[in-house]
């Protein structure tokens, strides 16, 4: 059950746009649609795979998040997306400090990132409101993050995040609203997929 390291364009062509997986865009093909009708299982499976590949999770990790979301108060699908969006690797990606989620994961694993003044080397670390994410004070860490901030396309920052690019600092204002999620996904289909298995 290792992380997916195969061809990324293949997944993007099959599942649609996944901005967390790669920053490159595949060329459009005109005759890409298939004439066969998809089953309900296939539709749910594709939504689950889209979520899994966007956030770079293994099957076991995603199942664990679904179980946590099922026990929490509120709609399971919305809680699931909030849990995934509040992961440290995803927060770095959304702030623009990394161009993809795998790149953010590498920055975290190599100890370039501080959360509230402490080094965190766990990409799945669950951030909370009022957490401050900064780069390490070393020149190498700041140079890496500065390059990513300059090379990343300027997208509108979600409402739950604030970025101070000259201080290499990001702030989490609140828990994410479901309208600001980075990928177009129907979370109910993912929950239905797992409800049939458990």
Protein backbone atom coordinates (compact mmCIF):
# COMPACT_ATOMS: atom_id res chain seq x y z
CA UNK A 1 0.00 0.00 0.00
CA UNK A 2 2.56 2.57 -1.02
CA UNK A 3 1.96 6.06 -2.33
CA UNK A 4 1.24 6.41 -6.06
CA UNK A 5 4.40 7.27 -8.00
CA UNK A 6 3.27 6.37 -11.51
CA UNK A 7 2.45 8.57 -14.51
CA UNK A 8 0.40 11.56 -13.39
CA UNK A 9 -1.05 12.57 -16.77
CA UNK A 10 -2.67 9.17 -17.03
CA UNK A 11 -4.63 9.88 -13.84
CA UNK A 12 -5.51 13.42 -14.92
CA UNK A 13 -6.83 12.24 -18.30
CA UNK A 14 -9.02 9.65 -16.60
CA UNK A 15 -10.23 11.60 -13.56
CA UNK A 16 -10.11 15.24 -14.68
CA UNK A 17 -8.19 18.19 -13.25
CA UNK A 18 -6.21 17.41 -10.08
CA UNK A 19 -4.23 20.56 -9.16
CA UNK A 20 -2.64 18.92 -6.11
CA UNK A 21 -1.12 16.08 -8.13
CA UNK A 22 0.82 18.09 -10.73
CA UNK A 23 1.18 21.70 -11.82
CA UNK A 24 1.44 20.76 -15.52
CA UNK A 25 -1.62 20.66 -17.76
CA UNK A 26 -2.21 17.86 -20.28
CA UNK A 27 -3.10 18.68 -23.86
CA UNK A 28 -6.80 18.47 -24.67
CA UNK A 29 -8.07 15.63 -26.85
CA UNK A 30 -11.29 15.92 -28.79
CA UNK A 31 -12.27 12.24 -29.01
CA UNK A 32 -11.73 11.48 -25.36
CA UNK A 33 -15.26 10.62 -24.26
CA UNK A 34 -16.29 6.99 -24.29
CA UNK A 35 -19.72 5.96 -25.45
CA UNK A 36 -20.27 3.32 -22.75
CA UNK A 37 -22.49 4.17 -19.82
CA UNK A 38 -20.82 4.15 -16.40
CA UNK A 39 -22.30 2.11 -13.58
CA UNK A 40 -23.13 3.68 -10.21
CA UNK A 41 -20.20 1.83 -8.66
CA UNK A 42 -17.84 3.22 -11.31
CA UNK A 43 -19.01 6.80 -10.67
CA UNK A 44 -18.45 6.44 -6.92
CA UNK A 45 -15.08 4.77 -7.45
CA UNK A 46 -13.89 7.61 -9.71
CA UNK A 47 -14.90 10.25 -7.14
CA UNK A 48 -13.03 8.34 -4.45
CA UNK A 49 -9.95 8.00 -6.67
CA UNK A 50 -10.09 11.69 -7.53
CA UNK A 51 -10.05 12.57 -3.83
CA UNK A 52 -7.29 10.06 -3.12
CA UNK A 53 -4.93 11.15 -5.89
CA UNK A 54 -5.50 14.88 -5.34
CA UNK A 55 -4.48 14.70 -1.68
CA UNK A 56 -1.85 11.99 -2.24
CA UNK A 57 -3.31 9.47 0.20
CA UNK A 58 -3.09 5.72 0.36
CA UNK A 59 -6.29 3.68 0.49
CA UNK A 60 -5.76 2.94 4.18
CA UNK A 61 -5.28 6.63 5.04
CA UNK A 62 -8.45 7.66 3.20
CA UNK A 63 -10.46 4.92 4.91
CA UNK A 64 -9.16 6.16 8.28
CA UNK A 65 -10.27 9.72 7.47
CA UNK A 66 -13.73 8.47 6.43
CA UNK A 67 -14.10 6.63 9.74
CA UNK A 68 -13.04 9.71 11.74
CA UNK A 69 -15.49 11.86 9.75
CA UNK A 70 -18.28 9.34 10.36
CA UNK A 71 -17.83 9.61 14.14
CA UNK A 72 -17.67 13.42 14.18
CA UNK A 73 -20.69 15.72 14.44
CA UNK A 74 -22.03 17.11 11.18
CA UNK A 75 -22.36 15.80 7.64
CA UNK A 76 -19.76 13.08 7.04
CA UNK A 77 -18.79 14.35 3.57
CA UNK A 78 -18.23 17.92 4.74
CA UNK A 79 -16.22 16.81 7.78
CA UNK A 80 -14.13 14.56 5.53
CA UNK A 81 -13.22 17.46 3.23
CA UNK A 82 -12.42 19.67 6.22
CA UNK A 83 -10.09 17.01 7.64
CA UNK A 84 -8.27 16.64 4.32
CA UNK A 85 -8.03 20.39 3.70
CA UNK A 86 -6.56 21.02 7.16
CA UNK A 87 -3.60 18.67 6.58
CA UNK A 88 -0.27 20.54 6.72
CA UNK A 89 0.85 19.46 3.23
CA UNK A 90 -2.41 20.73 1.73
CA UNK A 91 -2.20 24.03 3.65
CA UNK A 92 1.31 24.65 2.27
CA UNK A 93 0.03 23.91 -1.25
CA UNK A 94 -2.97 26.23 -0.85
CA UNK A 95 -0.74 29.03 0.51
CA UNK A 96 1.45 28.75 -2.60
CA UNK A 97 4.56 27.76 -0.64
CA UNK A 98 4.69 24.63 -2.85
CA UNK A 99 3.39 24.09 -6.37
CA UNK A 100 1.97 20.61 -5.70
CA UNK A 101 1.02 18.54 -2.66
CA UNK A 102 3.92 16.04 -3.20
CA UNK A 103 6.29 19.01 -3.27
CA UNK A 104 4.77 20.32 -0.02
CA UNK A 105 5.17 16.86 1.50
CA UNK A 106 8.86 16.87 0.57
CA UNK A 107 9.38 20.31 2.16
CA UNK A 108 7.79 19.03 5.38
CA UNK A 109 9.74 15.75 5.41
CA UNK A 110 13.02 17.63 4.97
CA UNK A 111 12.18 19.84 8.00
CA UNK A 112 11.90 23.18 6.18
CA UNK A 113 8.56 24.08 7.81
CA UNK A 114 7.68 25.35 11.29
CA UNK A 115 4.22 25.32 12.83
CA UNK A 116 3.87 27.76 15.74
CA UNK A 117 7.68 27.98 15.98
CA UNK A 118 8.31 24.21 16.10
CA UNK A 119 9.63 21.96 13.34
CA UNK A 120 6.93 19.60 12.08
CA UNK A 121 8.03 16.78 9.77
CA UNK A 122 4.67 14.98 9.48
CA UNK A 123 2.76 15.90 6.28
CA UNK A 124 -0.54 14.65 7.72
CA UNK A 125 -0.28 16.97 10.75
CA UNK A 126 -3.75 18.39 11.38
CA UNK A 127 -3.62 22.17 11.51
CA UNK A 128 -5.98 24.18 13.68
CA UNK A 129 -7.30 27.75 13.46
CA UNK A 130 -4.74 30.37 14.57
CA UNK A 131 -1.78 28.13 13.62
CA UNK A 132 1.15 30.06 12.13
CA UNK A 133 3.12 28.28 9.39
CA UNK A 134 6.57 29.65 8.58
CA UNK A 135 9.77 28.53 6.91
CA UNK A 136 12.84 27.66 8.94
CA UNK A 137 15.22 30.59 9.49
CA UNK A 138 17.93 28.98 7.37
CA UNK A 139 18.76 30.52 4.00
CA UNK A 140 18.17 27.26 2.10
CA UNK A 141 14.61 26.88 3.43
CA UNK A 142 13.71 30.50 2.67
CA UNK A 143 15.17 30.28 -0.83
CA UNK A 144 13.18 27.14 -1.63
CA UNK A 145 9.90 28.64 -0.42
CA UNK A 146 10.62 31.97 -2.13
CA UNK A 147 11.18 30.17 -5.45
CA UNK A 148 7.89 28.30 -5.06
CA UNK A 149 6.03 31.49 -4.14
CA UNK A 150 7.41 33.25 -7.23
CA UNK A 151 6.86 30.34 -9.65
CA UNK A 152 3.38 29.37 -8.44
CA UNK A 153 0.54 30.86 -10.48
CA UNK A 154 -1.28 33.50 -8.44
CA UNK A 155 -4.64 32.06 -7.56
CA UNK A 156 -7.14 33.60 -5.20
CA UNK A 157 -6.23 32.59 -1.66
CA UNK A 158 -9.06 30.84 0.21
CA UNK A 159 -10.81 32.84 2.96
CA UNK A 160 -9.52 30.61 5.73
CA UNK A 161 -5.85 31.41 4.96
CA UNK A 162 -3.70 34.54 5.10
CA UNK A 163 -0.28 34.75 3.44
CA UNK A 164 2.55 37.16 4.29
CA UNK A 165 4.97 36.38 1.42
CA UNK A 166 7.84 38.65 2.52
CA UNK A 167 7.89 37.08 5.99
CA UNK A 168 7.47 33.52 4.54
CA UNK A 169 4.51 33.13 6.85
CA UNK A 170 0.96 31.83 6.55
CA UNK A 171 -1.87 32.01 9.05
CA UNK A 172 -4.92 29.78 9.35
CA UNK A 173 -7.89 32.00 10.21
CA UNK A 174 -10.63 29.40 10.56
CA UNK A 175 -11.75 25.94 9.49
CA UNK A 176 -12.32 25.83 5.75
CA UNK A 177 -15.70 26.46 4.20
CA UNK A 178 -16.74 23.74 1.72
CA UNK A 179 -17.05 26.29 -1.10
CA UNK A 180 -13.29 26.92 -0.98
CA UNK A 181 -12.15 23.31 -1.49
CA UNK A 182 -9.43 23.10 -4.15
CA UNK A 183 -10.89 20.28 -6.27
CA UNK A 184 -14.36 19.79 -7.72
CA UNK A 185 -15.68 16.69 -6.03
CA UNK A 186 -18.95 15.20 -4.85
CA UNK A 187 -18.05 14.07 -1.34
CA UNK A 188 -21.38 12.29 -0.87
CA UNK A 189 -20.41 9.74 -3.52
CA UNK A 190 -17.16 9.03 -1.64
CA UNK A 191 -19.08 8.46 1.60
CA UNK A 192 -21.54 6.20 -0.23
CA UNK A 193 -18.64 4.22 -1.73
CA UNK A 194 -17.23 3.51 1.71
CA UNK A 195 -20.63 2.89 3.33
CA UNK A 196 -21.09 -0.09 1.04
CA UNK A 197 -17.76 -1.54 2.16
CA UNK A 198 -18.04 -1.10 5.93
